[in-house]
PDB file of N, CA and C in Angstrom:
ATOM      1  N   UNK A   1      81.906 148.631   7.130  1.00  0.00           N
ATOM      2  CA  UNK A   1      80.571 148.127   7.391  1.00  0.00           C
ATOM      3  C   UNK A   1      80.139 148.345   8.840  1.00  0.00           C
ATOM      4  N   UNK A   2      81.098 148.443   9.742  1.00  0.00           N
ATOM      5  CA  UNK A   2      80.752 148.541  11.154  1.00  0.00           C
ATOM      6  C   UNK A   2      79.911 149.790  11.447  1.00  0.00           C
ATOM      7  N   UNK A   3      80.275 150.974  10.944  1.00  0.00           N
ATOM      8  CA  UNK A   3      79.438 152.141  11.242  1.00  0.00           C
ATOM      9  C   UNK A   3      77.999 151.982  10.723  1.00  0.00           C
ATOM     10  N   UNK A   4      77.828 151.360   9.541  1.00  0.00           N
ATOM     11  CA  UNK A   4      76.511 151.140   8.995  1.00  0.00           C
ATOM     12  C   UNK A   4      75.723 150.152   9.865  1.00  0.00           C
ATOM     13  N   UNK A   5      76.409 149.122  10.342  1.00  0.00           N
ATOM     14  CA  UNK A   5      75.756 148.146  11.202  1.00  0.00           C
ATOM     15  C   UNK A   5      75.324 148.767  12.532  1.00  0.00           C
ATOM     16  N   UNK A   6      76.169 149.614  13.079  1.00  0.00           N
ATOM     17  CA  UNK A   6      75.836 150.291  14.333  1.00  0.00           C
ATOM     18  C   UNK A   6      74.604 151.172  14.165  1.00  0.00           C
ATOM     19  N   UNK A   7      74.589 151.920  13.050  1.00  0.00           N
ATOM     20  CA  UNK A   7      73.447 152.787  12.797  1.00  0.00           C
ATOM     21  C   UNK A   7      72.169 151.982  12.586  1.00  0.00           C
ATOM     22  N   UNK A   8      72.275 150.888  11.863  1.00  0.00           N
ATOM     23  CA  UNK A   8      71.114 150.032  11.637  1.00  0.00           C
ATOM     24  C   UNK A   8      70.609 149.491  12.970  1.00  0.00           C
ATOM     25  N   UNK A   9      71.526 149.016  13.810  1.00  0.00           N
ATOM     26  CA  UNK A   9      71.160 148.505  15.129  1.00  0.00           C
ATOM     27  C   UNK A   9      70.458 149.582  15.941  1.00  0.00           C
ATOM     28  N   UNK A  10      70.998 150.805  15.919  1.00  0.00           N
ATOM     29  CA  UNK A  10      70.402 151.903  16.642  1.00  0.00           C
ATOM     30  C   UNK A  10      68.960 152.159  16.207  1.00  0.00           C
ATOM     31  N   UNK A  11      68.709 151.935  14.919  1.00  0.00           N
ATOM     32  CA  UNK A  11      67.361 152.167  14.379  1.00  0.00           C
ATOM     33  C   UNK A  11      66.492 150.900  14.383  1.00  0.00           C
ATOM     34  N   UNK A  12      67.015 149.814  14.890  1.00  0.00           N
ATOM     35  CA  UNK A  12      66.250 148.554  14.966  1.00  0.00           C
ATOM     36  C   UNK A  12      66.099 147.874  13.617  1.00  0.00           C
ATOM     37  N   UNK A  13      67.062 148.073  12.741  1.00  0.00           N
ATOM     38  CA  UNK A  13      67.030 147.472  11.411  1.00  0.00           C
ATOM     39  C   UNK A  13      67.979 146.267  11.394  1.00  0.00           C
ATOM     40  N   UNK A  14      67.456 145.144  10.899  1.00  0.00           N
ATOM     41  CA  UNK A  14      68.286 143.924  10.796  1.00  0.00           C
ATOM     42  C   UNK A  14      69.319 144.094   9.699  1.00  0.00           C
ATOM     43  N   UNK A  15      70.492 143.521   9.899  1.00  0.00           N
ATOM     44  CA  UNK A  15      71.577 143.596   8.929  1.00  0.00           C
ATOM     45  C   UNK A  15      71.940 142.186   8.510  1.00  0.00           C
ATOM     46  N   UNK A  16      72.118 142.025   7.216  1.00  0.00           N
ATOM     47  CA  UNK A  16      72.576 140.749   6.654  1.00  0.00           C
ATOM     48  C   UNK A  16      73.843 141.055   5.888  1.00  0.00           C
ATOM     49  N   UNK A  17      74.967 140.534   6.379  1.00  0.00           N
ATOM     50  CA  UNK A  17      76.261 140.828   5.775  1.00  0.00           C
ATOM     51  C   UNK A  17      76.668 139.673   4.865  1.00  0.00           C
ATOM     52  N   UNK A  18      77.262 140.007   3.730  1.00  0.00           N
ATOM     53  CA  UNK A  18      77.760 139.005   2.802  1.00  0.00           C
ATOM     54  C   UNK A  18      79.108 139.474   2.253  1.00  0.00           C
ATOM     55  N   UNK A  19      79.735 138.585   1.518  1.00  0.00           N
ATOM     56  CA  UNK A  19      80.987 138.917   0.829  1.00  0.00           C
ATOM     57  C   UNK A  19      80.814 138.557  -0.626  1.00  0.00           C
ATOM     58  N   UNK A  20      81.677 139.105  -1.464  1.00  0.00           N
ATOM     59  CA  UNK A  20      81.629 138.768  -2.888  1.00  0.00           C
ATOM     60  C   UNK A  20      81.777 137.266  -3.095  1.00  0.00           C
ATOM     61  N   UNK A  21      82.589 136.639  -2.321  1.00  0.00           N
ATOM     62  CA  UNK A  21      82.790 135.190  -2.444  1.00  0.00           C
ATOM     63  C   UNK A  21      81.489 134.427  -2.190  1.00  0.00           C
ATOM     64  N   UNK A  22      80.715 134.911  -1.226  1.00  0.00           N
ATOM     65  CA  UNK A  22      79.482 134.219  -0.876  1.00  0.00           C
ATOM     66  C   UNK A  22      78.409 134.371  -1.945  1.00  0.00           C
ATOM     67  N   UNK A  23      78.131 135.614  -2.384  1.00  0.00           N
ATOM     68  CA  UNK A  23      77.087 135.776  -3.394  1.00  0.00           C
ATOM     69  C   UNK A  23      77.511 135.254  -4.744  1.00  0.00           C
ATOM     70  N   UNK A  24      78.822 135.321  -5.059  1.00  0.00           N
ATOM     71  CA  UNK A  24      79.281 134.758  -6.335  1.00  0.00           C
ATOM     72  C   UNK A  24      79.019 133.257  -6.419  1.00  0.00           C
ATOM     73  N   UNK A  25      79.187 132.547  -5.319  1.00  0.00           N
ATOM     74  CA  UNK A  25      78.913 131.113  -5.296  1.00  0.00           C
ATOM     75  C   UNK A  25      77.488 130.819  -5.717  1.00  0.00           C
ATOM     76  N   UNK A  26      76.549 131.676  -5.316  1.00  0.00           N
ATOM     77  CA  UNK A  26      75.125 131.462  -5.593  1.00  0.00           C
ATOM     78  C   UNK A  26      74.711 131.947  -6.987  1.00  0.00           C
ATOM     79  N   UNK A  27      75.379 133.010  -7.467  1.00  0.00           N
ATOM     80  CA  UNK A  27      74.889 133.657  -8.697  1.00  0.00           C
ATOM     81  C   UNK A  27      75.763 133.438  -9.943  1.00  0.00           C
ATOM     82  N   UNK A  28      76.995 133.031  -9.753  1.00  0.00           N
ATOM     83  CA  UNK A  28      77.896 132.836 -10.898  1.00  0.00           C
ATOM     84  C   UNK A  28      78.399 131.387 -10.957  1.00  0.00           C
ATOM     85  N   UNK A  29      78.649 130.925 -12.135  1.00  0.00           N
ATOM     86  CA  UNK A  29      79.235 129.585 -12.323  1.00  0.00           C
ATOM     87  C   UNK A  29      80.709 129.591 -11.942  1.00  0.00           C
ATOM     88  N   UNK A  30      81.260 128.464 -11.530  1.00  0.00           N
ATOM     89  CA  UNK A  30      82.695 128.419 -11.190  1.00  0.00           C
ATOM     90  C   UNK A  30      83.587 128.941 -12.315  1.00  0.00           C
ATOM     91  N   UNK A  31      83.246 128.613 -13.567  1.00  0.00           N
ATOM     92  CA  UNK A  31      84.095 129.059 -14.689  1.00  0.00           C
ATOM     93  C   UNK A  31      84.045 130.583 -14.861  1.00  0.00           C
ATOM     94  N   UNK A  32      83.037 131.230 -14.282  1.00  0.00           N
ATOM     95  CA  UNK A  32      82.921 132.696 -14.361  1.00  0.00           C
ATOM     96  C   UNK A  32      83.714 133.382 -13.263  1.00  0.00           C
ATOM     97  N   UNK A  33      84.397 132.589 -12.431  1.00  0.00           N
ATOM     98  CA  UNK A  33      85.100 133.144 -11.281  1.00  0.00           C
ATOM     99  C   UNK A  33      86.583 132.772 -11.245  1.00  0.00           C
ATOM    100  N   UNK A  34      87.148 132.337 -12.367  1.00  0.00           N
ATOM    101  CA  UNK A  34      88.546 131.879 -12.356  1.00  0.00           C
ATOM    102  C   UNK A  34      89.514 132.967 -11.912  1.00  0.00           C
ATOM    103  N   UNK A  35      89.202 134.199 -12.222  1.00  0.00           N
ATOM    104  CA  UNK A  35      90.049 135.313 -11.803  1.00  0.00           C
ATOM    105  C   UNK A  35      89.145 136.445 -11.351  1.00  0.00           C
ATOM    106  N   UNK A  36      89.739 137.396 -10.632  1.00  0.00           N
ATOM    107  CA  UNK A  36      88.947 138.548 -10.202  1.00  0.00           C
ATOM    108  C   UNK A  36      88.413 139.330 -11.381  1.00  0.00           C
ATOM    109  N   UNK A  37      89.222 139.489 -12.412  1.00  0.00           N
ATOM    110  CA  UNK A  37      88.793 140.226 -13.605  1.00  0.00           C
ATOM    111  C   UNK A  37      87.639 139.518 -14.294  1.00  0.00           C
ATOM    112  N   UNK A  38      87.713 138.189 -14.387  1.00  0.00           N
ATOM    113  CA  UNK A  38      86.642 137.418 -15.007  1.00  0.00           C
ATOM    114  C   UNK A  38      85.364 137.504 -14.173  1.00  0.00           C
ATOM    115  N   UNK A  39      85.495 137.443 -12.868  1.00  0.00           N
ATOM    116  CA  UNK A  39      84.311 137.544 -11.989  1.00  0.00           C
ATOM    117  C   UNK A  39      83.663 138.902 -12.144  1.00  0.00           C
ATOM    118  N   UNK A  40      84.441 139.949 -12.244  1.00  0.00           N
ATOM    119  CA  UNK A  40      83.878 141.303 -12.426  1.00  0.00           C
ATOM    120  C   UNK A  40      83.155 141.422 -13.767  1.00  0.00           C
ATOM    121  N   UNK A  41      83.738 140.852 -14.811  1.00  0.00           N
ATOM    122  CA  UNK A  41      83.098 140.870 -16.138  1.00  0.00           C
ATOM    123  C   UNK A  41      81.793 140.093 -16.096  1.00  0.00           C
ATOM    124  N   UNK A  42      81.814 138.919 -15.456  1.00  0.00           N
ATOM    125  CA  UNK A  42      80.612 138.105 -15.341  1.00  0.00           C
ATOM    126  C   UNK A  42      79.545 138.814 -14.506  1.00  0.00           C
ATOM    127  N   UNK A  43      79.971 139.518 -13.455  1.00  0.00           N
ATOM    128  CA  UNK A  43      79.022 140.271 -12.625  1.00  0.00           C
ATOM    129  C   UNK A  43      78.370 141.376 -13.444  1.00  0.00           C
ATOM    130  N   UNK A  44      79.140 142.018 -14.308  1.00  0.00           N
ATOM    131  CA  UNK A  44      78.577 143.062 -15.165  1.00  0.00           C
ATOM    132  C   UNK A  44      77.483 142.498 -16.052  1.00  0.00           C
ATOM    133  N   UNK A  45      77.758 141.350 -16.727  1.00  0.00           N
ATOM    134  CA  UNK A  45      76.782 140.730 -17.596  1.00  0.00           C
ATOM    135  C   UNK A  45      75.547 140.305 -16.818  1.00  0.00           C
ATOM    136  N   UNK A  46      75.746 139.703 -15.645  1.00  0.00           N
ATOM    137  CA  UNK A  46      74.609 139.255 -14.836  1.00  0.00           C
ATOM    138  C   UNK A  46      73.804 140.426 -14.334  1.00  0.00           C
ATOM    139  N   UNK A  47      74.448 141.497 -13.936  1.00  0.00           N
ATOM    140  CA  UNK A  47      73.738 142.680 -13.439  1.00  0.00           C
ATOM    141  C   UNK A  47      72.871 143.294 -14.540  1.00  0.00           C
ATOM    142  N   UNK A  48      73.394 143.304 -15.770  1.00  0.00           N
ATOM    143  CA  UNK A  48      72.585 143.805 -16.888  1.00  0.00           C
ATOM    144  C   UNK A  48      71.367 142.950 -17.112  1.00  0.00           C
ATOM    145  N   UNK A  49      71.488 141.647 -16.923  1.00  0.00           N
ATOM    146  CA  UNK A  49      70.326 140.745 -17.056  1.00  0.00           C
ATOM    147  C   UNK A  49      69.318 141.038 -15.934  1.00  0.00           C
ATOM    148  N   UNK A  50      69.809 141.309 -14.729  1.00  0.00           N
ATOM    149  CA  UNK A  50      68.924 141.661 -13.622  1.00  0.00           C
ATOM    150  C   UNK A  50      68.190 142.949 -13.928  1.00  0.00           C
ATOM    151  N   UNK A  51      68.882 143.918 -14.467  1.00  0.00           N
ATOM    152  CA  UNK A  51      68.254 145.198 -14.828  1.00  0.00           C
ATOM    153  C   UNK A  51      67.148 144.979 -15.857  1.00  0.00           C
ATOM    154  N   UNK A  52      67.465 144.215 -16.920  1.00  0.00           N
ATOM    155  CA  UNK A  52      66.436 143.935 -17.931  1.00  0.00           C
ATOM    156  C   UNK A  52      65.247 143.196 -17.336  1.00  0.00           C
ATOM    157  N   UNK A  53      65.519 142.166 -16.501  1.00  0.00           N
ATOM    158  CA  UNK A  53      64.480 141.390 -15.844  1.00  0.00           C
ATOM    159  C   UNK A  53      63.584 142.271 -14.977  1.00  0.00           C
ATOM    160  N   UNK A  54      64.201 143.253 -14.307  1.00  0.00           N
ATOM    161  CA  UNK A  54      63.449 144.124 -13.399  1.00  0.00           C
ATOM    162  C   UNK A  54      62.600 145.155 -14.108  1.00  0.00           C
ATOM    163  N   UNK A  55      62.901 145.400 -15.380  1.00  0.00           N
ATOM    164  CA  UNK A  55      62.183 146.438 -16.127  1.00  0.00           C
ATOM    165  C   UNK A  55      62.728 147.842 -15.867  1.00  0.00           C
ATOM    166  N   UNK A  56      63.810 147.928 -15.142  1.00  0.00           N
ATOM    167  CA  UNK A  56      64.439 149.248 -14.893  1.00  0.00           C
ATOM    168  C   UNK A  56      65.090 149.764 -16.182  1.00  0.00           C
ATOM    169  N   UNK A  57      65.239 151.056 -16.336  1.00  0.00           N
ATOM    170  CA  UNK A  57      65.905 151.578 -17.528  1.00  0.00           C
ATOM    171  C   UNK A  57      67.342 151.070 -17.606  1.00  0.00           C
ATOM    172  N   UNK A  58      67.791 150.748 -18.809  1.00  0.00           N
ATOM    173  CA  UNK A  58      69.154 150.265 -18.989  1.00  0.00           C
ATOM    174  C   UNK A  58      70.147 151.411 -18.838  1.00  0.00           C
ATOM    175  N   UNK A  59      71.193 151.180 -18.089  1.00  0.00           N
ATOM    176  CA  UNK A  59      72.208 152.228 -17.928  1.00  0.00           C
ATOM    177  C   UNK A  59      73.083 152.323 -19.200  1.00  0.00           C
ATOM    178  N   UNK A  60      73.587 153.520 -19.448  1.00  0.00           N
ATOM    179  CA  UNK A  60      74.483 153.669 -20.589  1.00  0.00           C
ATOM    180  C   UNK A  60      75.851 153.106 -20.212  1.00  0.00           C
ATOM    181  N   UNK A  61      76.215 153.211 -18.941  1.00  0.00           N
ATOM    182  CA  UNK A  61      77.446 152.585 -18.458  1.00  0.00           C
ATOM    183  C   UNK A  61      77.149 151.977 -17.087  1.00  0.00           C
ATOM    184  N   UNK A  62      77.952 150.978 -16.734  1.00  0.00           N
ATOM    185  CA  UNK A  62      77.727 150.302 -15.472  1.00  0.00           C
ATOM    186  C   UNK A  62      79.110 149.945 -14.919  1.00  0.00           C
ATOM    187  N   UNK A  63      79.508 150.631 -13.862  1.00  0.00           N
ATOM    188  CA  UNK A  63      80.815 150.343 -13.239  1.00  0.00           C
ATOM    189  C   UNK A  63      80.742 148.999 -12.536  1.00  0.00           C
ATOM    190  N   UNK A  64      81.905 148.336 -12.417  1.00  0.00           N
ATOM    191  CA  UNK A  64      81.893 147.009 -11.819  1.00  0.00           C
ATOM    192  C   UNK A  64      81.436 147.026 -10.376  1.00  0.00           C
ATOM    193  N   UNK A  65      81.691 148.096  -9.634  1.00  0.00           N
ATOM    194  CA  UNK A  65      81.225 148.131  -8.251  1.00  0.00           C
ATOM    195  C   UNK A  65      79.704 148.252  -8.185  1.00  0.00           C
ATOM    196  N   UNK A  66      79.096 148.962  -9.132  1.00  0.00           N
ATOM    197  CA  UNK A  66      77.634 149.052  -9.158  1.00  0.00           C
ATOM    198  C   UNK A  66      77.030 147.708  -9.571  1.00  0.00           C
ATOM    199  N   UNK A  67      77.666 147.042 -10.533  1.00  0.00           N
ATOM    200  CA  UNK A  67      77.193 145.733 -10.977  1.00  0.00           C
ATOM    201  C   UNK A  67      77.229 144.749  -9.801  1.00  0.00           C
ATOM    202  N   UNK A  68      78.313 144.774  -9.045  1.00  0.00           N
ATOM    203  CA  UNK A  68      78.453 143.867  -7.910  1.00  0.00           C
ATOM    204  C   UNK A  68      77.455 144.203  -6.810  1.00  0.00           C
ATOM    205  N   UNK A  69      77.143 145.504  -6.639  1.00  0.00           N
ATOM    206  CA  UNK A  69      76.145 145.909  -5.642  1.00  0.00           C
ATOM    207  C   UNK A  69      74.755 145.388  -6.050  1.00  0.00           C
ATOM    208  N   UNK A  70      74.451 145.422  -7.332  1.00  0.00           N
ATOM    209  CA  UNK A  70      73.169 144.899  -7.810  1.00  0.00           C
ATOM    210  C   UNK A  70      73.064 143.399  -7.475  1.00  0.00           C
ATOM    211  N   UNK A  71      74.136 142.675  -7.746  1.00  0.00           N
ATOM    212  CA  UNK A  71      74.098 141.224  -7.488  1.00  0.00           C
ATOM    213  C   UNK A  71      74.092 140.919  -5.979  1.00  0.00           C
ATOM    214  N   UNK A  72      74.800 141.706  -5.197  1.00  0.00           N
ATOM    215  CA  UNK A  72      74.759 141.525  -3.742  1.00  0.00           C
ATOM    216  C   UNK A  72      73.337 141.755  -3.227  1.00  0.00           C
ATOM    217  N   UNK A  73      72.681 142.780  -3.785  1.00  0.00           N
ATOM    218  CA  UNK A  73      71.281 143.040  -3.391  1.00  0.00           C
ATOM    219  C   UNK A  73      70.358 141.926  -3.826  1.00  0.00           C
ATOM    220  N   UNK A  74      70.576 141.392  -5.033  1.00  0.00           N
ATOM    221  CA  UNK A  74      69.777 140.254  -5.480  1.00  0.00           C
ATOM    222  C   UNK A  74      69.978 139.055  -4.571  1.00  0.00           C
ATOM    223  N   UNK A  75      71.227 138.784  -4.213  1.00  0.00           N
ATOM    224  CA  UNK A  75      71.535 137.701  -3.293  1.00  0.00           C
ATOM    225  C   UNK A  75      70.744 137.905  -1.988  1.00  0.00           C
ATOM    226  N   UNK A  76      70.739 139.139  -1.487  1.00  0.00           N
ATOM    227  CA  UNK A  76      70.049 139.429  -0.243  1.00  0.00           C
ATOM    228  C   UNK A  76      68.578 139.157  -0.292  1.00  0.00           C
ATOM    229  N   UNK A  77      67.907 139.613  -1.364  1.00  0.00           N
ATOM    230  CA  UNK A  77      66.455 139.381  -1.456  1.00  0.00           C
ATOM    231  C   UNK A  77      66.167 137.900  -1.685  1.00  0.00           C
ATOM    232  N   UNK A  78      67.062 137.195  -2.385  1.00  0.00           N
ATOM    233  CA  UNK A  78      66.891 135.756  -2.547  1.00  0.00           C
ATOM    234  C   UNK A  78      67.073 135.067  -1.207  1.00  0.00           C
ATOM    235  N   UNK A  79      68.070 135.464  -0.473  1.00  0.00           N
ATOM    236  CA  UNK A  79      68.379 134.865   0.860  1.00  0.00           C
ATOM    237  C   UNK A  79      67.224 135.060   1.827  1.00  0.00           C
ATOM    238  N   UNK A  80      66.576 136.228   1.734  1.00  0.00           N
ATOM    239  CA  UNK A  80      65.455 136.518   2.617  1.00  0.00           C
ATOM    240  C   UNK A  80      64.157 135.878   2.129  1.00  0.00           C
ATOM    241  N   UNK A  81      64.164 135.294   0.926  1.00  0.00           N
ATOM    242  CA  UNK A  81      62.963 134.655   0.401  1.00  0.00           C
ATOM    243  C   UNK A  81      61.936 135.643  -0.132  1.00  0.00           C
ATOM    244  N   UNK A  82      62.382 136.827  -0.536  1.00  0.00           N
ATOM    245  CA  UNK A  82      61.445 137.853  -1.003  1.00  0.00           C
ATOM    246  C   UNK A  82      61.119 137.727  -2.482  1.00  0.00           C
ATOM    247  N   UNK A  83      61.786 136.835  -3.198  1.00  0.00           N
ATOM    248  CA  UNK A  83      61.501 136.637  -4.622  1.00  0.00           C
ATOM    249  C   UNK A  83      60.912 135.231  -4.798  1.00  0.00           C
ATOM    250  N   UNK A  84      59.729 135.180  -5.404  1.00  0.00           N
ATOM    251  CA  UNK A  84      59.150 133.880  -5.671  1.00  0.00           C
ATOM    252  C   UNK A  84      59.970 133.140  -6.763  1.00  0.00           C
ATOM    253  N   UNK A  85      60.408 133.888  -7.761  1.00  0.00           N
ATOM    254  CA  UNK A  85      61.193 133.323  -8.866  1.00  0.00           C
ATOM    255  C   UNK A  85      62.311 134.304  -9.225  1.00  0.00           C
ATOM    256  N   UNK A  86      63.533 133.996  -8.877  1.00  0.00           N
ATOM    257  CA  UNK A  86      64.643 134.894  -9.220  1.00  0.00           C
ATOM    258  C   UNK A  86      64.944 134.880 -10.715  1.00  0.00           C
ATOM    259  N   UNK A  87      65.587 135.898 -11.218  1.00  0.00           N
ATOM    260  CA  UNK A  87      65.915 135.941 -12.646  1.00  0.00           C
ATOM    261  C   UNK A  87      66.935 134.876 -12.996  1.00  0.00           C
ATOM    262  N   UNK A  88      66.902 134.436 -14.229  1.00  0.00           N
ATOM    263  CA  UNK A  88      67.925 133.486 -14.739  1.00  0.00           C
ATOM    264  C   UNK A  88      69.154 134.294 -15.128  1.00  0.00           C
ATOM    265  N   UNK A  89      70.286 133.942 -14.550  1.00  0.00           N
ATOM    266  CA  UNK A  89      71.504 134.698 -14.815  1.00  0.00           C
ATOM    267  C   UNK A  89      72.528 133.877 -15.598  1.00  0.00           C
ATOM    268  N   UNK A  90      72.239 132.648 -15.857  1.00  0.00           N
ATOM    269  CA  UNK A  90      73.225 131.813 -16.496  1.00  0.00           C
ATOM    270  C   UNK A  90      74.105 131.132 -15.467  1.00  0.00           C
ATOM    271  N   UNK A  91      73.912 131.455 -14.185  1.00  0.00           N
ATOM    272  CA  UNK A  91      74.655 130.833 -13.102  1.00  0.00           C
ATOM    273  C   UNK A  91      73.851 129.688 -12.519  1.00  0.00           C
ATOM    274  N   UNK A  92      74.026 129.445 -11.241  1.00  0.00           N
ATOM    275  CA  UNK A  92      73.315 128.346 -10.569  1.00  0.00           C
ATOM    276  C   UNK A  92      71.862 128.665 -10.351  1.00  0.00           C
TER     277      UNK A  92
END
């Protein structure tokens, strides 16, 4: 992350850093996080709901890292207050 942060700083772009633990607390229920495998499965389901909510085309496949990136992005826009009403994910 450090090289990306340096480049953003050089360009005058603000950076908001998070971790999976942080965004999972906001977007997934505790029972959806009992194990890493369960959290990844829950992230996949939640990311698919975000995709449907957004109106974007549904992917034929969705890798867990892409699903987690979608949720990290959702966390970011929620954190910045850019969404008036976030999608319902079944989490908090």
